[in-house]
Amino acid sequence: MGKQDQIRLIKKYPNRRLYDTRTSTYITLVDVKELVLAHEAFQVIDAKSGEDLSRSILLQIILEEESAGIPMFSAEALANVIRFYGNAMQGMMGTYLEKNIQAFMDIQGKLQEQSQAFVGGKNQGSQEAWTQFMAGQAPMMQTLMSNYIDQSKKVFMQMEEQMQNNAKSMLSSFGLNPDQKDKK
């Protein structure tokens, strides 16, 4: 069974309905969200043109999640993301966000492992012990995230400095001195 066989194919029809070819049933965005939560690989394609619509479906799910309940992104964070579209750093920003989200998920996974080890131990079922454990995790997570953000900022600054040095080197190879100000 190849990788392509493992990807669940969902077709989107002009009537906006989503059809899961594996189960031969129509599904909703909630069902697609469940596939995401289950880490199931899928692809949404336009039934007529064959165009990949996976990203737009995922964005629809995010929009619904942001509209209901407690939003994950502030208006300022969304505005900052919008500002990167068309910016020279757009490609790097996507990679930067992706790596940061993955790092956060790794941290979350480690916390879950620690939690399961704690619950599986002699204190299983003790609500008070669980509450104390989680109360102790919050400051650790804050410190861990703060350190990670500081480290991430340093890496980003180093990347920016390297790009500036590369640009200066390239301009110098064309006989231009990027450090020299216009003297008029």
Foldseek 3Di string as FASTA:
>chain_A
DDPVVQAFEWEQEPVRWIATPVVRDTDDLVVVVVCVVVVGHYWYAHPPPRHTCVVVSVVVVLVVVCVDDPHPDDPVRVVVLVVLVVPPCNVVVVVLVVVVVVVVVVVVVVVVVVLVVVCPDPCNPPPVVSVVVVVVVVVVVVVVVVVVVVVSVVVVVVVVVVVVVVVQVVCVVVVDHPVDDDDD
